[in-house]
Amino acid sequence: MHWRRFATSLILTVISVDVAAYDELKGEPKKIEVHAHRGGRALFPESSLMAYRRSIEMGVDYVECDLRVTKDNVVVISHDENINNKTCVGPKGESLGDQVILIRDLTLEELKQYSCGKVPHPEFPNQKTCADGDEECSRFATLDELLDLLAKQPKKIGLDIEFKSKPKGHVPAPEIFTAFVVPKVHAKGLIDQIHYFSFTSAYVDAAEALSMKLGRSAKFNVTAPKHTWMNVITVKALRGLGYKVVPWTPNEPQEWEKLIGLGEDGIITDDPQGLIDYLNAKQN
């Protein structure tokens, strides 16, 4: 994606603004980006490679993932620090009960023995369940697998990466965690398709510093606030600072309508197909 740099007398820094945002400043209509939260977990088992593949096929602009690290320092995709005992089963198909099994305590080989997505999700009744033997659907995916999938796409698909920063003691320090991730992004030639996020700013700072050290800088002019925080004042303030605003995770048409009316640039949703259908209907 092409970038333009604007200096402002109000902020003593340089802010990156992409072409879409610049076109909007000129008054041209903008496209609302569709970001598939955890691959689109309203429809597919969350964070599975199958979820990301299917969301890409339906036409999303970005997919979103959360990163964890195994005992043998492999970066895997998971929002939770532990294996979800509501939607996952053990190596022999057994219920996990009340066990708390931390991803950081398992090697990748051990983690891949667990299956997720075979049990109906209690919050998403329309989510597909995985058939026996469908490992792309049921096994934990690695960052390498997701980057490979993105690199093979004929159309550029963006990736929102969140570095999970808690619980302490089970997450690598910022400089270590980002060193596991950023060089892989550069090596795949995907640097202009990545947004880095974290609830702990040190992880984004470390990712930015390492990206600069490697010779290129990813896009750090994007903010992803909770959608219920959004109003005219907050959106105007963020846009005034040069940020693209992409809130999470509204899943209902009335929420999408409100955010579009506020001038958001994109929406991170669990239901990407629903949002795509909604946007298409508005254009017709």
C-alpha atoms as a PDB file:
ATOM      1  CA  MET A   1       0.000   0.000   0.000  1.00  0.00           C
ATOM      2  CA  HIS A   2       1.226   3.490  -0.807  1.00  0.00           C
ATOM      3  CA  TRP A   3       1.835   5.935   2.031  1.00  0.00           C
ATOM      4  CA  ARG A   4       2.090   9.698   2.335  1.00  0.00           C
ATOM      5  CA  ARG A   5       3.664  11.650   5.157  1.00  0.00           C
ATOM      6  CA  PHE A   6       2.104  14.768   6.608  1.00  0.00           C
ATOM      7  CA  ALA A   7       3.651  17.074   9.184  1.00  0.00           C
ATOM      8  CA  THR A   8       1.418  18.910  11.597  1.00  0.00           C
ATOM      9  CA  SER A   9       2.193  22.014  13.618  1.00  0.00           C
ATOM     10  CA  LEU A  10       0.167  20.615  16.533  1.00  0.00           C
ATOM     11  CA  ILE A  11       2.114  17.386  16.950  1.00  0.00           C
ATOM     12  CA  LEU A  12       5.896  17.283  16.856  1.00  0.00           C
ATOM     13  CA  THR A  13       6.073  14.002  14.990  1.00  0.00           C
ATOM     14  CA  VAL A  14       5.458  12.496  11.588  1.00  0.00           C
ATOM     15  CA  ILE A  15       2.237  10.576  11.109  1.00  0.00           C
ATOM     16  CA  SER A  16       1.650   7.900   8.453  1.00  0.00           C
ATOM     17  CA  VAL A  17      -1.569   8.295   6.515  1.00  0.00           C
ATOM     18  CA  ASP A  18      -2.547   5.762   3.878  1.00  0.00           C
ATOM     19  CA  VAL A  19      -4.104   6.554   0.523  1.00  0.00           C
ATOM     20  CA  ALA A  20      -7.617   5.579   1.619  1.00  0.00           C
ATOM     21  CA  ALA A  21      -7.531   8.000   4.540  1.00  0.00           C
ATOM     22  CA  TYR A  22      -6.084  10.739   2.341  1.00  0.00           C
ATOM     23  CA  ASP A  23      -8.806  10.243  -0.255  1.00  0.00           C
ATOM     24  CA  GLU A  24     -11.382  10.611   2.461  1.00  0.00           C
ATOM     25  CA  LEU A  25      -9.842  13.917   3.509  1.00  0.00           C
ATOM     26  CA  LYS A  26     -10.413  15.069  -0.061  1.00  0.00           C
ATOM     27  CA  GLY A  27     -14.092  14.196   0.265  1.00  0.00           C
ATOM     28  CA  GLU A  28     -14.066  11.019  -1.813  1.00  0.00           C
ATOM     29  CA  PRO A  29     -16.150   8.075  -0.536  1.00  0.00           C
ATOM     30  CA  LYS A  30     -14.223   5.512   1.438  1.00  0.00           C
ATOM     31  CA  LYS A  31     -14.557   1.765   1.713  1.00  0.00           C
ATOM     32  CA  ILE A  32     -15.311   0.306   5.142  1.00  0.00           C
ATOM     33  CA  GLU A  33     -12.703  -2.369   5.847  1.00  0.00           C
ATOM     34  CA  VAL A  34     -13.943  -5.730   7.098  1.00  0.00           C
ATOM     35  CA  HIS A  35     -11.667  -7.329   9.703  1.00  0.00           C
ATOM     36  CA  ALA A  36     -12.399 -10.947  10.701  1.00  0.00           C
ATOM     37  CA  HIS A  37     -11.931 -11.175  14.477  1.00  0.00           C
ATOM     38  CA  ARG A  38     -10.120 -14.416  15.370  1.00  0.00           C
ATOM     39  CA  GLY A  39     -10.817 -15.515  11.801  1.00  0.00           C
ATOM     40  CA  GLY A  40     -14.558 -14.927  12.100  1.00  0.00           C
ATOM     41  CA  ARG A  41     -15.530 -16.982  15.130  1.00  0.00           C
ATOM     42  CA  ALA A  42     -19.267 -16.484  14.718  1.00  0.00           C
ATOM     43  CA  LEU A  43     -18.951 -18.798  11.719  1.00  0.00           C
ATOM     44  CA  PHE A  44     -15.828 -20.930  12.191  1.00  0.00           C
ATOM     45  CA  PRO A  45     -13.799 -22.351  15.102  1.00  0.00           C
ATOM     46  CA  GLU A  46     -11.833 -19.372  16.313  1.00  0.00           C
ATOM     47  CA  SER A  47      -8.202 -18.894  15.346  1.00  0.00           C
ATOM     48  CA  SER A  48      -8.156 -22.043  13.228  1.00  0.00           C
ATOM     49  CA  LEU A  49      -6.376 -22.086   9.896  1.00  0.00           C
ATOM     50  CA  MET A  50      -9.675 -23.068   8.298  1.00  0.00           C
ATOM     51  CA  ALA A  51     -11.345 -19.970   9.755  1.00  0.00           C
ATOM     52  CA  TYR A  52      -8.701 -17.708   8.233  1.00  0.00           C
ATOM     53  CA  ARG A  53      -8.886 -19.449   4.871  1.00  0.00           C
ATOM     54  CA  ARG A  54     -12.669 -19.255   4.702  1.00  0.00           C
ATOM     55  CA  SER A  55     -12.740 -15.597   5.766  1.00  0.00           C
ATOM     56  CA  ILE A  56     -10.250 -14.748   3.051  1.00  0.00           C
ATOM     57  CA  GLU A  57     -12.392 -16.592   0.510  1.00  0.00           C
ATOM     58  CA  MET A  58     -15.484 -14.598   1.513  1.00  0.00           C
ATOM     59  CA  GLY A  59     -13.639 -11.348   0.776  1.00  0.00           C
ATOM     60  CA  VAL A  60     -12.489  -9.780   4.050  1.00  0.00           C
ATOM     61  CA  ASP A  61      -9.848  -7.066   4.002  1.00  0.00           C
ATOM     62  CA  TYR A  62      -8.064  -8.158   7.185  1.00  0.00           C
ATOM     63  CA  VAL A  63      -7.949 -11.134   9.494  1.00  0.00           C
ATOM     64  CA  GLU A  64      -7.132 -10.728  13.174  1.00  0.00           C
ATOM     65  CA  CYS A  65      -5.102 -13.004  15.415  1.00  0.00           C
ATOM     66  CA  ASP A  66      -3.791 -13.158  18.978  1.00  0.00           C
ATOM     67  CA  LEU A  67      -0.376 -14.635  19.631  1.00  0.00           C
ATOM     68  CA  ARG A  68       0.919 -16.963  22.332  1.00  0.00           C
ATOM     69  CA  VAL A  69       4.221 -18.829  22.680  1.00  0.00           C
ATOM     70  CA  THR A  70       4.691 -22.527  23.457  1.00  0.00           C
ATOM     71  CA  LYS A  71       7.213 -24.090  25.796  1.00  0.00           C
ATOM     72  CA  ASP A  72       9.589 -24.622  22.850  1.00  0.00           C
ATOM     73  CA  ASN A  73       9.147 -20.999  21.732  1.00  0.00           C
ATOM     74  CA  VAL A  74       6.864 -21.567  18.754  1.00  0.00           C
ATOM     75  CA  VAL A  75       4.407 -18.722  18.116  1.00  0.00           C
ATOM     76  CA  VAL A  76       0.846 -20.027  17.941  1.00  0.00           C
ATOM     77  CA  ILE A  77      -2.522 -18.373  17.477  1.00  0.00           C
ATOM     78  CA  SER A  78      -4.712 -18.252  20.566  1.00  0.00           C
ATOM     79  CA  HIS A  79      -6.574 -15.570  22.451  1.00  0.00           C
ATOM     80  CA  ASP A  80      -6.529 -17.473  25.739  1.00  0.00           C
ATOM     81  CA  GLU A  81      -3.417 -18.333  27.714  1.00  0.00           C
ATOM     82  CA  ASN A  82      -4.861 -21.762  28.418  1.00  0.00           C
ATOM     83  CA  ILE A  83      -6.614 -24.370  26.285  1.00  0.00           C
ATOM     84  CA  ASN A  84     -10.311 -23.522  26.277  1.00  0.00           C
ATOM     85  CA  ASN A  85     -11.987 -26.349  28.181  1.00  0.00           C
ATOM     86  CA  LYS A  86     -15.423 -25.377  26.835  1.00  0.00           C
ATOM     87  CA  THR A  87     -14.613 -25.840  23.155  1.00  0.00           C
ATOM     88  CA  CYS A  88     -11.563 -28.141  23.167  1.00  0.00           C
ATOM     89  CA  VAL A  89     -11.019 -31.785  24.066  1.00  0.00           C
ATOM     90  CA  GLY A  90      -7.945 -33.737  25.111  1.00  0.00           C
ATOM     91  CA  PRO A  91      -5.637 -35.955  23.026  1.00  0.00           C
ATOM     92  CA  LYS A  92      -8.015 -38.924  23.347  1.00  0.00           C
ATOM     93  CA  GLY A  93     -11.154 -36.864  22.839  1.00  0.00           C
ATOM     94  CA  GLU A  94     -11.784 -36.587  26.551  1.00  0.00           C
ATOM     95  CA  SER A  95     -13.388 -33.607  28.256  1.00  0.00           C
ATOM     96  CA  LEU A  96     -10.949 -31.246  29.914  1.00  0.00           C
ATOM     97  CA  GLY A  97     -13.303 -30.600  32.803  1.00  0.00           C
ATOM     98  CA  ASP A  98     -11.972 -27.867  35.076  1.00  0.00           C
ATOM     99  CA  GLN A  99      -8.326 -28.343  34.111  1.00  0.00           C
ATOM    100  CA  VAL A 100      -6.242 -25.234  33.443  1.00  0.00           C
ATOM    101  CA  ILE A 101      -3.678 -26.205  30.797  1.00  0.00           C
ATOM    102  CA  LEU A 102      -1.404 -23.318  29.905  1.00  0.00           C
ATOM    103  CA  ILE A 103      -0.140 -23.095  26.323  1.00  0.00           C
ATOM    104  CA  ARG A 104       3.210 -21.846  27.590  1.00  0.00           C
ATOM    105  CA  ASP A 105       3.647 -25.151  29.476  1.00  0.00           C
ATOM    106  CA  LEU A 106       3.263 -27.302  26.336  1.00  0.00           C
ATOM    107  CA  THR A 107       5.507 -27.910  23.350  1.00  0.00           C
ATOM    108  CA  LEU A 108       3.976 -27.426  19.910  1.00  0.00           C
ATOM    109  CA  GLU A 109       3.838 -31.198  19.440  1.00  0.00           C
ATOM    110  CA  GLU A 110       1.933 -31.552  22.711  1.00  0.00           C
ATOM    111  CA  LEU A 111      -0.388 -28.650  21.908  1.00  0.00           C
ATOM    112  CA  LYS A 112      -1.265 -30.128  18.504  1.00  0.00           C
ATOM    113  CA  GLN A 113      -2.687 -33.200  20.283  1.00  0.00           C
ATOM    114  CA  TYR A 114      -5.646 -31.160  21.528  1.00  0.00           C
ATOM    115  CA  SER A 115      -8.682 -30.602  19.308  1.00  0.00           C
ATOM    116  CA  CYS A 116     -10.887 -27.529  19.341  1.00  0.00           C
ATOM    117  CA  GLY A 117     -14.066 -26.760  17.459  1.00  0.00           C
ATOM    118  CA  LYS A 118     -15.666 -30.191  17.717  1.00  0.00           C
ATOM    119  CA  VAL A 119     -17.872 -28.985  20.566  1.00  0.00           C
ATOM    120  CA  PRO A 120     -20.576 -26.398  19.684  1.00  0.00           C
ATOM    121  CA  HIS A 121     -19.567 -22.926  20.854  1.00  0.00           C
ATOM    122  CA  PRO A 122     -21.911 -21.719  23.624  1.00  0.00           C
ATOM    123  CA  GLU A 123     -21.804 -18.102  22.404  1.00  0.00           C
ATOM    124  CA  PHE A 124     -21.985 -18.695  18.646  1.00  0.00           C
ATOM    125  CA  PRO A 125     -24.696 -21.196  17.668  1.00  0.00           C
ATOM    126  CA  ASN A 126     -23.999 -20.781  13.939  1.00  0.00           C
ATOM    127  CA  GLN A 127     -20.326 -21.670  14.268  1.00  0.00           C
ATOM    128  CA  LYS A 128     -19.274 -24.661  12.162  1.00  0.00           C
ATOM    129  CA  THR A 129     -18.111 -27.688  14.132  1.00  0.00           C
ATOM    130  CA  CYS A 130     -15.099 -29.682  12.992  1.00  0.00           C
ATOM    131  CA  ALA A 131     -15.376 -33.142  11.485  1.00  0.00           C
ATOM    132  CA  ASP A 132     -13.107 -35.913  12.717  1.00  0.00           C
ATOM    133  CA  GLY A 133      -9.745 -35.729  10.981  1.00  0.00           C
ATOM    134  CA  ASP A 134     -10.141 -32.124   9.829  1.00  0.00           C
ATOM    135  CA  GLU A 135      -6.944 -30.836  11.405  1.00  0.00           C
ATOM    136  CA  GLU A 136      -7.052 -27.463   9.636  1.00  0.00           C
ATOM    137  CA  CYS A 137     -10.320 -26.880  11.472  1.00  0.00           C
ATOM    138  CA  SER A 138      -9.522 -28.370  14.869  1.00  0.00           C
ATOM    139  CA  ARG A 139      -5.782 -28.033  15.555  1.00  0.00           C
ATOM    140  CA  PHE A 140      -3.989 -24.983  16.947  1.00  0.00           C
ATOM    141  CA  ALA A 141      -2.478 -22.985  14.090  1.00  0.00           C
ATOM    142  CA  THR A 142       1.002 -21.476  14.146  1.00  0.00           C
ATOM    143  CA  LEU A 143       1.925 -17.976  13.028  1.00  0.00           C
ATOM    144  CA  ASP A 144       4.086 -19.524  10.316  1.00  0.00           C
ATOM    145  CA  GLU A 145       1.062 -21.341   8.877  1.00  0.00           C
ATOM    146  CA  LEU A 146      -1.022 -18.171   8.810  1.00  0.00           C
ATOM    147  CA  LEU A 147       1.759 -16.105   7.222  1.00  0.00           C
ATOM    148  CA  ASP A 148       2.221 -18.814   4.572  1.00  0.00           C
ATOM    149  CA  LEU A 149      -1.503 -18.659   3.814  1.00  0.00           C
ATOM    150  CA  LEU A 150      -1.440 -14.882   3.436  1.00  0.00           C
ATOM    151  CA  ALA A 151       1.707 -14.904   1.304  1.00  0.00           C
ATOM    152  CA  LYS A 152       0.022 -17.228  -1.218  1.00  0.00           C
ATOM    153  CA  GLN A 153      -3.005 -15.002  -1.795  1.00  0.00           C
ATOM    154  CA  PRO A 154      -3.268 -13.267  -5.199  1.00  0.00           C
ATOM    155  CA  LYS A 155      -4.910 -10.307  -3.455  1.00  0.00           C
ATOM    156  CA  LYS A 156      -3.248  -8.612  -0.489  1.00  0.00           C
ATOM    157  CA  ILE A 157      -5.019  -9.476   2.737  1.00  0.00           C
ATOM    158  CA  GLY A 158      -4.114  -7.535   5.853  1.00  0.00           C
ATOM    159  CA  LEU A 159      -3.327  -9.050   9.231  1.00  0.00           C
ATOM    160  CA  ASP A 160      -4.049  -7.569  12.649  1.00  0.00           C
ATOM    161  CA  ILE A 161      -1.578  -9.072  15.124  1.00  0.00           C
ATOM    162  CA  GLU A 162      -2.153  -8.710  18.847  1.00  0.00           C
ATOM    163  CA  PHE A 163       0.675  -9.548  21.215  1.00  0.00           C
ATOM    164  CA  LYS A 164      -0.925 -10.982  24.338  1.00  0.00           C
ATOM    165  CA  SER A 165       0.844  -9.528  27.353  1.00  0.00           C
ATOM    166  CA  LYS A 166      -0.755 -11.371  30.268  1.00  0.00           C
ATOM    167  CA  PRO A 167      -0.499 -13.272  32.502  1.00  0.00           C
ATOM    168  CA  LYS A 168       2.959 -12.242  33.619  1.00  0.00           C
ATOM    169  CA  GLY A 169       5.350 -15.128  33.812  1.00  0.00           C
ATOM    170  CA  HIS A 170       3.658 -16.903  30.907  1.00  0.00           C
ATOM    171  CA  VAL A 171       4.389 -14.340  28.172  1.00  0.00           C
ATOM    172  CA  PRO A 172       7.863 -13.477  26.833  1.00  0.00           C
ATOM    173  CA  ALA A 173       9.216  -9.984  27.418  1.00  0.00           C
ATOM    174  CA  PRO A 174       8.442  -7.471  24.637  1.00  0.00           C
ATOM    175  CA  GLU A 175      11.875  -7.610  22.968  1.00  0.00           C
ATOM    176  CA  ILE A 176      11.852 -11.413  22.993  1.00  0.00           C
ATOM    177  CA  PHE A 177       8.244 -11.885  21.872  1.00  0.00           C
ATOM    178  CA  THR A 178       8.539  -9.421  18.997  1.00  0.00           C
ATOM    179  CA  ALA A 179      11.828 -11.007  17.910  1.00  0.00           C
ATOM    180  CA  PHE A 180       9.882 -14.247  17.397  1.00  0.00           C
ATOM    181  CA  VAL A 181       7.383 -12.451  15.152  1.00  0.00           C
ATOM    182  CA  VAL A 182       8.614  -9.383  13.266  1.00  0.00           C
ATOM    183  CA  PRO A 183      11.462 -11.075  11.317  1.00  0.00           C
ATOM    184  CA  LYS A 184       8.972 -13.681  10.054  1.00  0.00           C
ATOM    185  CA  VAL A 185       6.690 -10.926   8.767  1.00  0.00           C
ATOM    186  CA  HIS A 186       9.623  -9.287   6.971  1.00  0.00           C
ATOM    187  CA  ALA A 187      10.836 -12.583   5.535  1.00  0.00           C
ATOM    188  CA  LYS A 188       7.394 -13.257   4.002  1.00  0.00           C
ATOM    189  CA  GLY A 189       7.257  -9.813   2.402  1.00  0.00           C
ATOM    190  CA  LEU A 190       4.089  -8.938   4.321  1.00  0.00           C
ATOM    191  CA  ILE A 191       5.273  -5.886   6.205  1.00  0.00           C
ATOM    192  CA  ASP A 192       2.886  -3.485   4.464  1.00  0.00           C
ATOM    193  CA  GLN A 193      -0.085  -5.706   5.341  1.00  0.00           C
ATOM    194  CA  ILE A 194       0.383  -5.841   9.130  1.00  0.00           C
ATOM    195  CA  HIS A 195      -1.071  -3.902  12.048  1.00  0.00           C
ATOM    196  CA  TYR A 196       0.498  -4.572  15.456  1.00  0.00           C
ATOM    197  CA  PHE A 197      -1.593  -4.201  18.611  1.00  0.00           C
ATOM    198  CA  SER A 198      -1.271  -4.922  22.323  1.00  0.00           C
ATOM    199  CA  PHE A 199      -2.908  -3.791  25.534  1.00  0.00           C
ATOM    200  CA  THR A 200       0.657  -3.236  26.777  1.00  0.00           C
ATOM    201  CA  SER A 201       2.306  -0.514  24.698  1.00  0.00           C
ATOM    202  CA  ALA A 202       5.826  -1.883  25.233  1.00  0.00           C
ATOM    203  CA  TYR A 203       5.063  -4.717  22.798  1.00  0.00           C
ATOM    204  CA  VAL A 204       4.008  -2.367  20.001  1.00  0.00           C
ATOM    205  CA  ASP A 205       7.003  -0.131  20.728  1.00  0.00           C
ATOM    206  CA  ALA A 206       9.333  -3.132  20.501  1.00  0.00           C
ATOM    207  CA  ALA A 207       7.736  -4.290  17.239  1.00  0.00           C
ATOM    208  CA  GLU A 208       8.118  -0.812  15.764  1.00  0.00           C
ATOM    209  CA  ALA A 209      11.753  -0.550  16.851  1.00  0.00           C
ATOM    210  CA  LEU A 210      12.625  -3.945  15.410  1.00  0.00           C
ATOM    211  CA  SER A 211      10.813  -3.164  12.151  1.00  0.00           C
ATOM    212  CA  MET A 212      12.826   0.031  11.802  1.00  0.00           C
ATOM    213  CA  LYS A 213      16.034  -1.848  12.574  1.00  0.00           C
ATOM    214  CA  LEU A 214      15.248  -4.330   9.806  1.00  0.00           C
ATOM    215  CA  GLY A 215      14.861  -1.490   7.344  1.00  0.00           C
ATOM    216  CA  ARG A 216      11.125  -1.102   7.006  1.00  0.00           C
ATOM    217  CA  SER A 217       8.338   0.151   9.249  1.00  0.00           C
ATOM    218  CA  ALA A 218       4.922  -1.455   9.573  1.00  0.00           C
ATOM    219  CA  LYS A 219       1.755   0.625   9.888  1.00  0.00           C
ATOM    220  CA  PHE A 220       1.397   2.075  13.371  1.00  0.00           C
ATOM    221  CA  ASN A 221      -1.220   4.706  12.571  1.00  0.00           C
ATOM    222  CA  VAL A 222      -4.135   2.403  13.379  1.00  0.00           C
ATOM    223  CA  THR A 223      -6.057   2.224  16.629  1.00  0.00           C
ATOM    224  CA  ALA A 224      -8.612  -0.423  17.611  1.00  0.00           C
ATOM    225  CA  PRO A 225     -10.765   0.817  20.514  1.00  0.00           C
ATOM    226  CA  LYS A 226     -13.719  -1.054  21.973  1.00  0.00           C
ATOM    227  CA  HIS A 227     -16.739  -0.160  19.867  1.00  0.00           C
ATOM    228  CA  THR A 228     -18.844   0.946  22.846  1.00  0.00           C
ATOM    229  CA  TRP A 229     -16.304   3.706  23.552  1.00  0.00           C
ATOM    230  CA  MET A 230     -16.914   5.348  20.197  1.00  0.00           C
ATOM    231  CA  ASN A 231     -18.732   8.648  19.806  1.00  0.00           C
ATOM    232  CA  VAL A 232     -18.374  11.748  17.642  1.00  0.00           C
ATOM    233  CA  ILE A 233     -15.804  13.336  19.952  1.00  0.00           C
ATOM    234  CA  THR A 234     -13.502  10.312  20.288  1.00  0.00           C
ATOM    235  CA  VAL A 235     -13.578   9.512  16.586  1.00  0.00           C
ATOM    236  CA  LYS A 236     -12.881  13.108  15.601  1.00  0.00           C
ATOM    237  CA  ALA A 237     -10.001  13.321  18.096  1.00  0.00           C
ATOM    238  CA  LEU A 238      -8.398  10.077  16.870  1.00  0.00           C
ATOM    239  CA  ARG A 239      -8.821  10.994  13.223  1.00  0.00           C
ATOM    240  CA  GLY A 240      -7.347  14.416  13.978  1.00  0.00           C
ATOM    241  CA  LEU A 241      -4.234  12.708  15.325  1.00  0.00           C
ATOM    242  CA  GLY A 242      -3.849  10.812  12.043  1.00  0.00           C
ATOM    243  CA  TYR A 243      -5.182   7.470  13.218  1.00  0.00           C
ATOM    244  CA  LYS A 244      -7.260   5.076  11.198  1.00  0.00           C
ATOM    245  CA  VAL A 245     -10.017   3.916  13.560  1.00  0.00           C
ATOM    246  CA  VAL A 246     -11.062   0.252  13.491  1.00  0.00           C
ATOM    247  CA  PRO A 247     -13.132  -0.664  16.573  1.00  0.00           C
ATOM    248  CA  TRP A 248     -13.833  -4.137  17.957  1.00  0.00           C
ATOM    249  CA  THR A 249     -16.065  -6.246  18.087  1.00  0.00           C
ATOM    250  CA  PRO A 250     -19.582  -5.214  17.055  1.00  0.00           C
ATOM    251  CA  ASN A 251     -21.600  -8.096  15.622  1.00  0.00           C
ATOM    252  CA  GLU A 252     -25.045  -6.594  15.047  1.00  0.00           C
ATOM    253  CA  PRO A 253     -26.368  -4.422  12.179  1.00  0.00           C
ATOM    254  CA  GLN A 254     -27.446  -1.596  14.481  1.00  0.00           C
ATOM    255  CA  GLU A 255     -23.916  -1.437  15.896  1.00  0.00           C
ATOM    256  CA  TRP A 256     -22.380  -1.388  12.415  1.00  0.00           C
ATOM    257  CA  GLU A 257     -24.770   1.368  11.351  1.00  0.00           C
ATOM    258  CA  LYS A 258     -23.798   3.559  14.305  1.00  0.00           C
ATOM    259  CA  LEU A 259     -20.057   3.109  13.713  1.00  0.00           C
ATOM    260  CA  ILE A 260     -20.289   3.806   9.995  1.00  0.00           C
ATOM    261  CA  GLY A 261     -22.221   6.954  10.815  1.00  0.00           C
ATOM    262  CA  LEU A 262     -19.412   8.056  13.119  1.00  0.00           C
ATOM    263  CA  GLY A 263     -16.907   7.788  10.269  1.00  0.00           C
ATOM    264  CA  GLU A 264     -14.989   4.653  11.284  1.00  0.00           C
ATOM    265  CA  ASP A 265     -12.498   3.292   8.745  1.00  0.00           C
ATOM    266  CA  GLY A 266     -13.174  -0.367   9.397  1.00  0.00           C
ATOM    267  CA  ILE A 267     -14.830  -2.807  11.766  1.00  0.00           C
ATOM    268  CA  ILE A 268     -13.356  -5.823  13.549  1.00  0.00           C
ATOM    269  CA  THR A 269     -16.206  -8.321  13.846  1.00  0.00           C
ATOM    270  CA  ASP A 270     -16.834 -11.947  14.727  1.00  0.00           C
ATOM    271  CA  ASP A 271     -19.333 -12.100  11.836  1.00  0.00           C
ATOM    272  CA  PRO A 272     -17.474 -10.964   8.706  1.00  0.00           C
ATOM    273  CA  GLN A 273     -19.999 -12.507   6.311  1.00  0.00           C
ATOM    274  CA  GLY A 274     -22.836 -10.671   8.032  1.00  0.00           C
ATOM    275  CA  LEU A 275     -20.945  -7.380   7.802  1.00  0.00           C
ATOM    276  CA  ILE A 276     -20.065  -7.945   4.133  1.00  0.00           C
ATOM    277  CA  ASP A 277     -23.724  -8.676   3.331  1.00  0.00           C
ATOM    278  CA  TYR A 278     -24.798  -5.598   5.298  1.00  0.00           C
ATOM    279  CA  LEU A 279     -22.365  -3.302   3.451  1.00  0.00           C
ATOM    280  CA  ASN A 280     -23.361  -4.735   0.077  1.00  0.00           C
ATOM    281  CA  ALA A 281     -27.044  -4.149   0.860  1.00  0.00           C
ATOM    282  CA  LYS A 282     -26.328  -0.507   1.760  1.00  0.00           C
ATOM    283  CA  GLN A 283     -24.710   0.027  -1.640  1.00  0.00           C
ATOM    284  CA  ASN A 284     -27.677  -1.377  -3.548  1.00  0.00           C
END
